[in-house]
């Protein structure tokens, strides 16, 4: 594994995690340290494995765009608590700005807390 790139290691780790029969896949920032092209490949591989194996997946990410692009439910956590939970029709078509506005409505005293541009980038 030491000779593999970060993206190659992530791909191998993802495949290894799904080799044994499982029902739940936990992903913690699994594309965070990757360049955009490699991250896109890993996300595509993830979607393929989740679909083929019908896995329930929990993906932790700081990328709000990734959170909206993948899955069918989005939870925003703040200070260890659920700050926003959206799914179904309510979630369809949401943008990053919509998430930020919903967070601000749910947490008026914390509205300015999300100011890191990295959270807004896809």
Protein backbone atom coordinates (compact mmCIF):
# COMPACT_ATOMS: atom_id res chain seq x y z
CA UNK A 1 0.00 0.00 0.00
CA UNK A 2 2.94 2.32 0.60
CA UNK A 3 3.59 2.66 -3.12
CA UNK A 4 0.00 3.63 -3.97
CA UNK A 5 -1.23 7.19 -4.36
CA UNK A 6 -3.79 8.58 -1.93
CA UNK A 7 -6.59 7.97 -4.40
CA UNK A 8 -5.45 4.42 -5.07
CA UNK A 9 -5.31 3.74 -1.33
CA UNK A 10 -8.84 5.13 -0.92
CA UNK A 11 -10.13 2.94 -3.74
CA UNK A 12 -8.50 -0.17 -2.27
CA UNK A 13 -9.82 0.68 1.20
CA UNK A 14 -13.33 1.20 -0.16
CA UNK A 15 -13.31 -2.11 -2.01
CA UNK A 16 -11.85 -3.90 1.03
CA UNK A 17 -14.57 -2.43 3.26
CA UNK A 18 -17.24 -3.91 1.01
CA UNK A 19 -15.71 -7.34 0.37
CA UNK A 20 -17.18 -8.92 3.49
CA UNK A 21 -20.97 -9.02 3.66
CA UNK A 22 -22.21 -5.86 5.35
CA UNK A 23 -25.36 -3.76 5.49
CA UNK A 24 -23.85 -0.44 6.57
CA UNK A 25 -20.92 1.46 5.10
CA UNK A 26 -19.40 4.27 7.17
CA UNK A 27 -17.39 6.87 5.26
CA UNK A 28 -15.49 9.59 7.10
CA UNK A 29 -14.16 12.31 4.78
CA UNK A 30 -13.13 9.63 2.31
CA UNK A 31 -12.36 12.16 -0.45
CA UNK A 32 -10.98 15.02 1.67
CA UNK A 33 -7.29 14.68 0.78
CA UNK A 34 -7.81 13.89 -2.90
CA UNK A 35 -7.52 16.04 -6.01
CA UNK A 36 -10.87 16.78 -7.72
CA UNK A 37 -10.47 14.17 -10.48
CA UNK A 38 -9.54 11.40 -8.06
CA UNK A 39 -12.28 12.44 -5.62
CA UNK A 40 -14.80 12.22 -8.45
CA UNK A 41 -13.58 8.70 -9.28
CA UNK A 42 -13.82 7.61 -5.63
CA UNK A 43 -17.34 9.05 -5.33
CA UNK A 44 -18.37 7.23 -8.51
CA UNK A 45 -16.91 3.97 -7.18
CA UNK A 46 -18.69 4.56 -3.88
CA UNK A 47 -22.04 5.07 -5.60
CA UNK A 48 -21.53 1.92 -7.68
CA UNK A 49 -20.70 -0.23 -4.64
CA UNK A 50 -23.57 1.21 -2.58
CA UNK A 51 -26.04 0.60 -5.40
CA UNK A 52 -24.80 -2.91 -6.27
CA UNK A 53 -24.66 -4.09 -2.66
CA UNK A 54 -27.70 -2.10 -1.52
CA UNK A 55 -25.79 -0.62 1.41
CA UNK A 56 -27.04 1.86 3.92
CA UNK A 57 -24.30 4.48 3.93
CA UNK A 58 -23.37 7.22 6.34
CA UNK A 59 -20.95 9.68 4.78
CA UNK A 60 -19.31 12.41 6.81
CA UNK A 61 -18.21 15.33 4.65
CA UNK A 62 -17.53 19.03 5.02
CA UNK A 63 -18.49 19.55 1.38
CA UNK A 64 -22.08 20.72 1.36
CA UNK A 65 -22.24 20.15 -2.40
CA UNK A 66 -21.22 16.49 -1.96
CA UNK A 67 -23.82 16.14 0.77
CA UNK A 68 -26.51 17.40 -1.59
CA UNK A 69 -25.31 15.45 -4.63
CA UNK A 70 -25.26 12.08 -2.88
CA UNK A 71 -27.75 10.17 -0.84
CA UNK A 72 -31.31 10.94 0.10
CA UNK A 73 -30.98 12.56 3.51
CA UNK A 74 -28.74 15.37 4.73
CA UNK A 75 -27.97 16.15 8.35
CA UNK A 76 -25.93 19.16 9.42
CA UNK A 77 -24.26 18.88 12.80
CA UNK A 78 -23.11 21.81 14.89
CA UNK A 79 -21.53 21.59 18.33
CA UNK A 80 -22.42 17.91 18.56
CA UNK A 81 -26.11 18.45 17.84
CA UNK A 82 -28.31 18.07 14.79
CA UNK A 83 -28.64 21.57 13.39
CA UNK A 84 -30.62 20.57 10.30
CA UNK A 85 -32.18 17.34 9.06
CA UNK A 86 -33.68 17.28 5.58
CA UNK A 87 -34.92 14.46 3.38
CA UNK A 88 -37.49 13.57 0.74
CA UNK A 89 -39.33 16.28 -1.16
CA UNK A 90 -38.01 18.96 1.21
CA UNK A 91 -34.43 18.07 0.20
CA UNK A 92 -34.91 17.79 -3.56
CA UNK A 93 -33.39 20.65 -5.51
CA UNK A 94 -31.71 22.26 -2.50
CA UNK A 95 -28.58 24.30 -3.11
CA UNK A 96 -25.70 25.07 -0.79
CA UNK A 97 -27.24 28.51 -0.24
CA UNK A 98 -30.53 26.85 0.70
CA UNK A 99 -28.69 24.74 3.30
CA UNK A 100 -26.98 27.81 4.72
CA UNK A 101 -30.27 29.70 4.91
CA UNK A 102 -32.06 26.75 6.52
CA UNK A 103 -29.25 26.46 9.07
CA UNK A 104 -29.55 30.18 9.84
CA UNK A 105 -33.33 29.88 10.32
CA UNK A 106 -32.94 26.88 12.62
CA UNK A 107 -30.02 28.41 14.53
CA UNK A 108 -30.41 32.22 14.46
CA UNK A 109 -27.76 32.87 17.10
CA UNK A 110 -25.23 30.81 15.08
CA UNK A 111 -26.09 32.13 11.61
CA UNK A 112 -22.62 33.55 10.92
CA UNK A 113 -20.73 30.50 12.13
CA UNK A 114 -20.39 28.91 8.68
CA UNK A 115 -17.93 31.17 6.95
CA UNK A 116 -15.33 28.70 5.68
CA UNK A 117 -15.29 28.79 1.86
CA UNK A 118 -14.14 25.16 1.82
CA UNK A 119 -17.60 24.13 3.00
CA UNK A 120 -19.17 25.78 0.01
CA UNK A 121 -16.96 24.23 -2.64
CA UNK A 122 -17.86 21.02 -4.46
